[in-house]
Amino acid sequence: MALTKEGAASIVAKFGKNEKDTGAAEVQIALLTERINQLTEHCKQFKKDKSGQRGLLILVGKRRRMLKYIQRTNLEGYRKLIKELGLRK
């Protein structure tokens, strides 16, 4: 199931500076994390969906690159984001 408009808007409101701040790296990482969680559940249910697994790996790589960027530019913000999203690192 895709991310709904209301779900995306709540994530943007929580992690962005305002409700229209969709370009911030923190917001993008939070949105990617939500999509990754949904796709992980899908892949658990449909084990033979190889294109879904490939898409999941692409999203994880994109999120990892964005997390490296935030870690490099804003270490305190990185630590706070990791804690809020419940990511291991």
N, C-alpha and C. Protein backbone atom coordinates (compact mmCIF):
# COMPACT_ATOMS: atom_id res chain seq x y z
N MET A 1 0.83 -1.17 0.00
CA MET A 1 0.00 0.00 0.00
C MET A 1 0.88 1.24 0.00
N ALA A 2 0.55 2.18 -0.83
CA ALA A 2 1.35 3.38 -0.97
C ALA A 2 1.10 4.33 0.21
N LEU A 3 2.01 5.24 0.38
CA LEU A 3 1.90 6.25 1.42
C LEU A 3 0.79 7.23 1.05
N THR A 4 -0.15 7.46 1.96
CA THR A 4 -1.27 8.36 1.68
C THR A 4 -0.84 9.81 1.81
N LYS A 5 -1.65 10.71 1.28
CA LYS A 5 -1.35 12.13 1.38
C LYS A 5 -1.34 12.58 2.82
N GLU A 6 -2.28 12.07 3.61
CA GLU A 6 -2.35 12.46 5.01
C GLU A 6 -1.13 11.97 5.79
N GLY A 7 -0.71 10.74 5.49
CA GLY A 7 0.48 10.20 6.15
C GLY A 7 1.73 10.98 5.80
N ALA A 8 1.86 11.31 4.53
CA ALA A 8 3.02 12.10 4.10
C ALA A 8 2.98 13.49 4.71
N ALA A 9 1.80 14.09 4.77
CA ALA A 9 1.68 15.43 5.34
C ALA A 9 2.04 15.43 6.82
N SER A 10 1.66 14.38 7.53
CA SER A 10 2.00 14.33 8.96
C SER A 10 3.51 14.16 9.16
N ILE A 11 4.15 13.39 8.30
CA ILE A 11 5.60 13.22 8.38
C ILE A 11 6.31 14.53 8.07
N VAL A 12 5.83 15.24 7.05
CA VAL A 12 6.43 16.52 6.68
C VAL A 12 6.25 17.53 7.81
N ALA A 13 5.06 17.53 8.44
CA ALA A 13 4.82 18.46 9.54
C ALA A 13 5.71 18.14 10.74
N LYS A 14 5.98 16.86 10.97
CA LYS A 14 6.78 16.47 12.13
C LYS A 14 8.26 16.77 11.94
N PHE A 15 8.80 16.49 10.76
CA PHE A 15 10.24 16.61 10.55
C PHE A 15 10.66 17.88 9.82
N GLY A 16 9.74 18.57 9.16
CA GLY A 16 10.09 19.78 8.42
C GLY A 16 9.97 21.03 9.26
N LYS A 17 10.46 22.13 8.72
CA LYS A 17 10.35 23.41 9.41
C LYS A 17 8.92 23.94 9.35
N ASN A 18 8.23 23.66 8.24
CA ASN A 18 6.82 23.99 8.10
C ASN A 18 6.17 22.90 7.25
N GLU A 19 4.87 23.05 6.98
CA GLU A 19 4.15 21.98 6.28
C GLU A 19 4.48 21.89 4.79
N LYS A 20 5.19 22.87 4.24
CA LYS A 20 5.56 22.83 2.83
C LYS A 20 7.03 22.50 2.63
N ASP A 21 7.73 22.17 3.69
CA ASP A 21 9.16 21.92 3.64
C ASP A 21 9.43 20.45 3.30
N THR A 22 9.16 20.07 2.05
CA THR A 22 9.34 18.69 1.64
C THR A 22 10.75 18.41 1.12
N GLY A 23 11.54 19.42 0.91
CA GLY A 23 12.86 19.23 0.33
C GLY A 23 13.96 19.01 1.34
N ALA A 24 13.68 19.23 2.63
CA ALA A 24 14.70 19.05 3.65
C ALA A 24 15.14 17.59 3.71
N ALA A 25 16.40 17.38 3.93
CA ALA A 25 16.94 16.02 3.95
C ALA A 25 16.29 15.18 5.05
N GLU A 26 16.00 15.79 6.20
CA GLU A 26 15.37 15.05 7.29
C GLU A 26 14.00 14.55 6.89
N VAL A 27 13.24 15.38 6.18
CA VAL A 27 11.90 15.00 5.73
C VAL A 27 12.01 13.88 4.70
N GLN A 28 12.92 14.01 3.77
CA GLN A 28 13.08 12.99 2.75
C GLN A 28 13.48 11.65 3.36
N ILE A 29 14.35 11.67 4.37
CA ILE A 29 14.76 10.44 5.03
C ILE A 29 13.59 9.82 5.77
N ALA A 30 12.78 10.64 6.41
CA ALA A 30 11.62 10.12 7.14
C ALA A 30 10.61 9.49 6.17
N LEU A 31 10.40 10.13 5.02
CA LEU A 31 9.49 9.58 4.02
C LEU A 31 10.04 8.27 3.44
N LEU A 32 11.33 8.24 3.17
CA LEU A 32 11.95 7.00 2.68
C LEU A 32 11.83 5.88 3.71
N THR A 33 12.00 6.22 4.98
CA THR A 33 11.90 5.21 6.03
C THR A 33 10.51 4.62 6.07
N GLU A 34 9.49 5.45 5.92
CA GLU A 34 8.12 4.95 5.91
C GLU A 34 7.88 4.03 4.71
N ARG A 35 8.37 4.43 3.54
CA ARG A 35 8.23 3.58 2.35
C ARG A 35 9.00 2.27 2.51
N ILE A 36 10.18 2.33 3.11
CA ILE A 36 10.99 1.13 3.32
C ILE A 36 10.25 0.18 4.26
N ASN A 37 9.65 0.71 5.32
CA ASN A 37 8.92 -0.15 6.25
C ASN A 37 7.74 -0.82 5.57
N GLN A 38 7.01 -0.09 4.73
CA GLN A 38 5.88 -0.67 4.02
C GLN A 38 6.34 -1.73 3.03
N LEU A 39 7.42 -1.45 2.31
CA LEU A 39 7.92 -2.40 1.32
C LEU A 39 8.52 -3.64 1.98
N THR A 40 9.07 -3.47 3.17
CA THR A 40 9.60 -4.62 3.91
C THR A 40 8.47 -5.58 4.27
N GLU A 41 7.34 -5.03 4.72
CA GLU A 41 6.19 -5.88 5.03
C GLU A 41 5.68 -6.60 3.78
N HIS A 42 5.67 -5.88 2.66
CA HIS A 42 5.24 -6.48 1.39
C HIS A 42 6.16 -7.63 1.01
N CYS A 43 7.46 -7.42 1.15
CA CYS A 43 8.42 -8.46 0.75
C CYS A 43 8.36 -9.67 1.68
N LYS A 44 7.98 -9.46 2.94
CA LYS A 44 7.81 -10.60 3.84
C LYS A 44 6.63 -11.45 3.40
N GLN A 45 5.59 -10.80 2.89
CA GLN A 45 4.40 -11.53 2.47
C GLN A 45 4.60 -12.21 1.11
N PHE A 46 5.24 -11.51 0.18
CA PHE A 46 5.43 -12.02 -1.17
C PHE A 46 6.92 -12.25 -1.41
N LYS A 47 7.41 -13.42 -1.01
CA LYS A 47 8.84 -13.70 -1.04
C LYS A 47 9.42 -13.80 -2.45
N LYS A 48 8.61 -14.09 -3.43
CA LYS A 48 9.13 -14.26 -4.79
C LYS A 48 9.07 -12.98 -5.61
N ASP A 49 8.69 -11.88 -5.02
CA ASP A 49 8.61 -10.60 -5.72
C ASP A 49 10.01 -9.98 -5.78
N LYS A 50 10.76 -10.39 -6.77
CA LYS A 50 12.15 -9.94 -6.88
C LYS A 50 12.26 -8.47 -7.25
N SER A 51 11.34 -7.94 -8.04
CA SER A 51 11.40 -6.52 -8.38
C SER A 51 11.09 -5.66 -7.16
N GLY A 52 10.23 -6.14 -6.29
CA GLY A 52 9.97 -5.43 -5.04
C GLY A 52 11.19 -5.42 -4.14
N GLN A 53 11.90 -6.55 -4.11
CA GLN A 53 13.13 -6.62 -3.31
C GLN A 53 14.19 -5.67 -3.86
N ARG A 54 14.27 -5.59 -5.18
CA ARG A 54 15.25 -4.69 -5.81
C ARG A 54 14.91 -3.24 -5.49
N GLY A 55 13.62 -2.91 -5.55
CA GLY A 55 13.20 -1.56 -5.21
C GLY A 55 13.51 -1.21 -3.77
N LEU A 56 13.34 -2.20 -2.89
CA LEU A 56 13.65 -2.00 -1.48
C LEU A 56 15.13 -1.70 -1.29
N LEU A 57 15.99 -2.44 -1.96
CA LEU A 57 17.42 -2.21 -1.85
C LEU A 57 17.83 -0.84 -2.39
N ILE A 58 17.16 -0.40 -3.45
CA ILE A 58 17.44 0.93 -4.00
C ILE A 58 17.08 2.01 -3.00
N LEU A 59 15.90 1.85 -2.35
CA LEU A 59 15.47 2.84 -1.35
C LEU A 59 16.41 2.86 -0.15
N VAL A 60 16.85 1.69 0.29
CA VAL A 60 17.76 1.62 1.43
C VAL A 60 19.08 2.31 1.10
N GLY A 61 19.58 2.11 -0.11
CA GLY A 61 20.82 2.76 -0.52
C GLY A 61 20.68 4.27 -0.60
N LYS A 62 19.54 4.73 -1.10
CA LYS A 62 19.28 6.17 -1.18
C LYS A 62 19.22 6.78 0.21
N ARG A 63 18.53 6.08 1.13
CA ARG A 63 18.44 6.59 2.50
C ARG A 63 19.81 6.61 3.17
N ARG A 64 20.62 5.58 2.91
CA ARG A 64 21.95 5.53 3.50
C ARG A 64 22.82 6.70 3.03
N ARG A 65 22.73 7.02 1.73
CA ARG A 65 23.51 8.15 1.20
C ARG A 65 23.04 9.46 1.82
N MET A 66 21.74 9.62 1.98
CA MET A 66 21.23 10.86 2.58
C MET A 66 21.62 10.96 4.06
N LEU A 67 21.62 9.82 4.77
CA LEU A 67 22.06 9.83 6.17
C LEU A 67 23.54 10.20 6.28
N LYS A 68 24.35 9.72 5.34
CA LYS A 68 25.77 10.09 5.35
C LYS A 68 25.93 11.60 5.15
N TYR A 69 25.10 12.18 4.28
CA TYR A 69 25.16 13.62 4.05
C TYR A 69 24.82 14.38 5.32
N ILE A 70 23.74 13.97 6.00
CA ILE A 70 23.35 14.68 7.22
C ILE A 70 24.40 14.49 8.31
N GLN A 71 24.98 13.31 8.39
CA GLN A 71 26.01 13.06 9.39
C GLN A 71 27.21 13.97 9.15
N ARG A 72 27.53 14.19 7.89
CA ARG A 72 28.67 15.02 7.54
C ARG A 72 28.41 16.50 7.81
N THR A 73 27.16 16.94 7.61
CA THR A 73 26.86 18.37 7.71
C THR A 73 26.30 18.80 9.06
N ASN A 74 25.54 17.91 9.74
CA ASN A 74 24.86 18.29 10.97
C ASN A 74 24.81 17.06 11.88
N LEU A 75 25.85 16.86 12.68
CA LEU A 75 25.97 15.66 13.47
C LEU A 75 24.88 15.55 14.54
N GLU A 76 24.56 16.64 15.21
CA GLU A 76 23.51 16.61 16.24
C GLU A 76 22.15 16.32 15.62
N GLY A 77 21.86 16.91 14.48
CA GLY A 77 20.61 16.64 13.78
C GLY A 77 20.54 15.19 13.33
N TYR A 78 21.68 14.65 12.92
CA TYR A 78 21.75 13.24 12.52
C TYR A 78 21.41 12.33 13.68
N ARG A 79 22.01 12.59 14.84
CA ARG A 79 21.75 11.75 16.02
C ARG A 79 20.29 11.83 16.45
N LYS A 80 19.73 13.03 16.39
CA LYS A 80 18.33 13.21 16.76
C LYS A 80 17.41 12.46 15.79
N LEU A 81 17.71 12.55 14.50
CA LEU A 81 16.89 11.89 13.48
C LEU A 81 16.95 10.37 13.62
N ILE A 82 18.13 9.83 13.86
CA ILE A 82 18.29 8.39 14.04
C ILE A 82 17.47 7.92 15.23
N LYS A 83 17.50 8.70 16.29
CA LYS A 83 16.76 8.33 17.50
C LYS A 83 15.25 8.38 17.26
N GLU A 84 14.78 9.43 16.58
CA GLU A 84 13.34 9.58 16.34
C GLU A 84 12.81 8.49 15.40
N LEU A 85 13.59 8.13 14.39
CA LEU A 85 13.12 7.13 13.43
C LEU A 85 13.36 5.70 13.91
N GLY A 86 14.16 5.55 14.95
CA GLY A 86 14.41 4.21 15.48
C GLY A 86 15.33 3.40 14.59
N LEU A 87 16.26 4.07 13.94
CA LEU A 87 17.22 3.37 13.07
C LEU A 87 18.44 2.97 13.87
N ARG A 88 19.01 1.86 13.52
CA ARG A 88 20.24 1.42 14.18
C ARG A 88 21.41 2.07 13.50
N LYS A 89 22.29 2.66 14.26
CA LYS A 89 23.53 3.19 13.73
C LYS A 89 24.30 3.85 14.81
